[in-house]
C-alpha atoms as a PDB file:
ATOM      1  CA  MET A   1       8.835   3.011  12.029  1.00  0.00           C
ATOM      2  CA  LYS A   2       5.360   2.331  10.681  1.00  0.00           C
ATOM      3  CA  ALA A   3       4.438  -1.306  10.251  1.00  0.00           C
ATOM      4  CA  GLU A   4       1.434  -3.557  10.030  1.00  0.00           C
ATOM      5  CA  PHE A   5       0.661  -7.199  10.625  1.00  0.00           C
ATOM      6  CA  PHE A   6      -2.179  -9.526   9.678  1.00  0.00           C
ATOM      7  CA  ALA A   7      -4.315 -11.011  12.467  1.00  0.00           C
ATOM      8  CA  GLN A   8      -6.540 -13.888  11.366  1.00  0.00           C
ATOM      9  CA  GLY A   9     -10.199 -12.921  11.748  1.00  0.00           C
ATOM     10  CA  VAL A  10      -9.339  -9.241  12.255  1.00  0.00           C
ATOM     11  CA  GLY A  11      -7.329  -8.096   9.232  1.00  0.00           C
ATOM     12  CA  TRP A  12      -4.350  -5.774   8.888  1.00  0.00           C
ATOM     13  CA  ILE A  13      -3.368  -3.991  12.109  1.00  0.00           C
ATOM     14  CA  PRO A  14      -1.304  -0.770  11.867  1.00  0.00           C
ATOM     15  CA  VAL A  15       1.506  -0.156  14.364  1.00  0.00           C
ATOM     16  CA  ASP A  16       3.591   3.025  14.568  1.00  0.00           C
ATOM     17  CA  LEU A  17       6.539   2.037  16.755  1.00  0.00           C
ATOM     18  CA  SER A  18       8.490   5.296  16.557  1.00  0.00           C
ATOM     19  CA  SER A  19       5.523   7.467  17.475  1.00  0.00           C
ATOM     20  CA  ALA A  20       4.580   5.104  20.281  1.00  0.00           C
ATOM     21  CA  ILE A  21       8.004   5.516  21.839  1.00  0.00           C
ATOM     22  CA  LEU A  22       8.307   9.264  21.237  1.00  0.00           C
ATOM     23  CA  HIS A  23       4.765  10.576  21.609  1.00  0.00           C
ATOM     24  CA  ASP A  24       2.454   8.180  23.464  1.00  0.00           C
ATOM     25  CA  LYS A  25       1.953   9.589  26.957  1.00  0.00           C
ATOM     26  CA  THR A  26      -1.126   7.473  27.775  1.00  0.00           C
ATOM     27  CA  PRO A  27      -0.924   4.922  30.612  1.00  0.00           C
ATOM     28  CA  ALA A  28      -1.682   1.913  28.393  1.00  0.00           C
ATOM     29  CA  LYS A  29       0.781   3.028  25.666  1.00  0.00           C
ATOM     30  CA  LEU A  30      -1.642   1.883  22.930  1.00  0.00           C
ATOM     31  CA  SER A  31      -2.400   5.143  21.107  1.00  0.00           C
ATOM     32  CA  TYR A  32      -0.291   4.068  18.121  1.00  0.00           C
ATOM     33  CA  PHE A  33      -1.390   0.436  18.080  1.00  0.00           C
ATOM     34  CA  ALA A  34      -4.315  -0.378  15.722  1.00  0.00           C
ATOM     35  CA  HIS A  35      -4.994   3.354  15.185  1.00  0.00           C
ATOM     36  CA  ASP A  36      -3.954   5.099  11.998  1.00  0.00           C
ATOM     37  CA  LYS A  37      -5.104   8.471  10.655  1.00  0.00           C
ATOM     38  CA  GLY A  38      -4.345   7.357   7.110  1.00  0.00           C
ATOM     39  CA  ASP A  39      -2.011  10.284   6.437  1.00  0.00           C
ATOM     40  CA  PHE A  40       0.958   8.188   5.327  1.00  0.00           C
ATOM     41  CA  ILE A  41       1.823   6.996   1.812  1.00  0.00           C
ATOM     42  CA  THR A  42       3.879   3.839   1.383  1.00  0.00           C
ATOM     43  CA  MET A  43       5.688   3.039  -1.815  1.00  0.00           C
ATOM     44  CA  HIS A  44       6.098  -0.697  -2.360  1.00  0.00           C
ATOM     45  CA  ILE A  45       9.141  -2.326  -3.941  1.00  0.00           C
ATOM     46  CA  ASP A  46       9.584  -6.095  -4.023  1.00  0.00           C
ATOM     47  CA  ASP A  47      11.867  -8.142  -6.259  1.00  0.00           C
ATOM     48  CA  ASP A  48       9.499 -11.096  -6.505  1.00  0.00           C
ATOM     49  CA  LEU A  49       5.945  -9.910  -5.876  1.00  0.00           C
ATOM     50  CA  ILE A  50       3.247 -12.171  -7.330  1.00  0.00           C
ATOM     51  CA  VAL A  51      -0.300 -10.834  -7.636  1.00  0.00           C
ATOM     52  CA  ASP A  52      -3.271 -13.023  -8.491  1.00  0.00           C
ATOM     53  CA  THR A  53      -5.187 -10.907 -11.021  1.00  0.00           C
ATOM     54  CA  ILE A  54      -8.151 -13.316 -10.745  1.00  0.00           C
ATOM     55  CA  TYR A  55      -9.102 -13.039 -14.431  1.00  0.00           C
ATOM     56  CA  PHE A  56      -5.613 -13.074 -15.978  1.00  0.00           C
ATOM     57  CA  GLY A  57      -3.750 -15.417 -13.644  1.00  0.00           C
ATOM     58  CA  LYS A  58      -0.764 -14.713 -11.451  1.00  0.00           C
ATOM     59  CA  LYS A  59       1.532 -11.896 -12.610  1.00  0.00           C
ATOM     60  CA  HIS A  60       5.022 -10.953 -11.397  1.00  0.00           C
ATOM     61  CA  PHE A  61       5.711  -7.343 -10.352  1.00  0.00           C
ATOM     62  CA  SER A  62       8.712  -5.410  -9.041  1.00  0.00           C
ATOM     63  CA  PHE A  63       6.605  -2.523  -7.703  1.00  0.00           C
ATOM     64  CA  LEU A  64       2.973  -1.364  -7.470  1.00  0.00           C
ATOM     65  CA  GLN A  65       3.305   2.369  -8.101  1.00  0.00           C
ATOM     66  CA  LYS A  66       1.850   2.651 -11.590  1.00  0.00           C
ATOM     67  CA  SER A  67      -1.200   1.562 -13.514  1.00  0.00           C
ATOM     68  CA  THR A  68      -1.210  -1.948 -14.889  1.00  0.00           C
ATOM     69  CA  TYR A  69      -3.831  -3.395 -17.165  1.00  0.00           C
ATOM     70  CA  TRP A  70      -4.701  -6.467 -19.208  1.00  0.00           C
ATOM     71  CA  ALA A  71      -7.472  -6.969 -21.745  1.00  0.00           C
ATOM     72  CA  THR A  72      -9.014  -9.694 -23.818  1.00  0.00           C
ATOM     73  CA  GLY A  73      -9.958  -9.457 -27.469  1.00  0.00           C
ATOM     74  CA  GLU A  74      -8.146  -8.039 -30.459  1.00  0.00           C
ATOM     75  CA  GLY A  75      -5.715  -5.137 -30.681  1.00  0.00           C
ATOM     76  CA  ASN A  76      -2.714  -4.016 -28.696  1.00  0.00           C
ATOM     77  CA  PHE A  77      -1.481  -1.314 -26.365  1.00  0.00           C
ATOM     78  CA  ASP A  78       1.375  -0.134 -28.578  1.00  0.00           C
ATOM     79  CA  ASP A  79       0.274   3.527 -28.712  1.00  0.00           C
ATOM     80  CA  VAL A  80      -0.702   3.877 -25.052  1.00  0.00           C
ATOM     81  CA  VAL A  81       0.985   6.724 -23.150  1.00  0.00           C
ATOM     82  CA  VAL A  82       0.732   6.873 -19.363  1.00  0.00           C
ATOM     83  CA  GLN A  83       1.593  10.088 -17.534  1.00  0.00           C
ATOM     84  CA  GLU A  84       1.820  10.206 -13.758  1.00  0.00           C
ATOM     85  CA  ASN A  85       1.793  13.270 -11.552  1.00  0.00           C
ATOM     86  CA  TRP A  86       2.171  12.265  -7.919  1.00  0.00           C
ATOM     87  CA  GLN A  87       1.385  15.178  -5.592  1.00  0.00           C
ATOM     88  CA  VAL A  88       0.816  15.263  -1.873  1.00  0.00           C
ATOM     89  CA  THR A  89      -1.265  18.182  -0.634  1.00  0.00           C
ATOM     90  CA  VAL A  90      -2.607  19.203   2.741  1.00  0.00           C
ATOM     91  CA  SER A  91      -6.369  18.908   2.990  1.00  0.00           C
ATOM     92  CA  ARG A  92      -7.979  21.598   5.120  1.00  0.00           C
END
């Protein structure tokens, strides 16, 4: 199980509990605490997520997996088409 927590003055700290139990053979057992290779993608779903957009106020979201935009001025977004193509590839 990958998780993270916020420590005041430090920031977000990653913790990989499953790998720590299964794979950490070091004496201190801290190889999977506060160390993350960044090779993991998390999809976020939340029924009542509120994001402060700074310029457009607080907006409610159910998920953060697609582009979202706001604009000021005249016109509309009626003819906008968004296509997504999520791919995960191995970088060598």
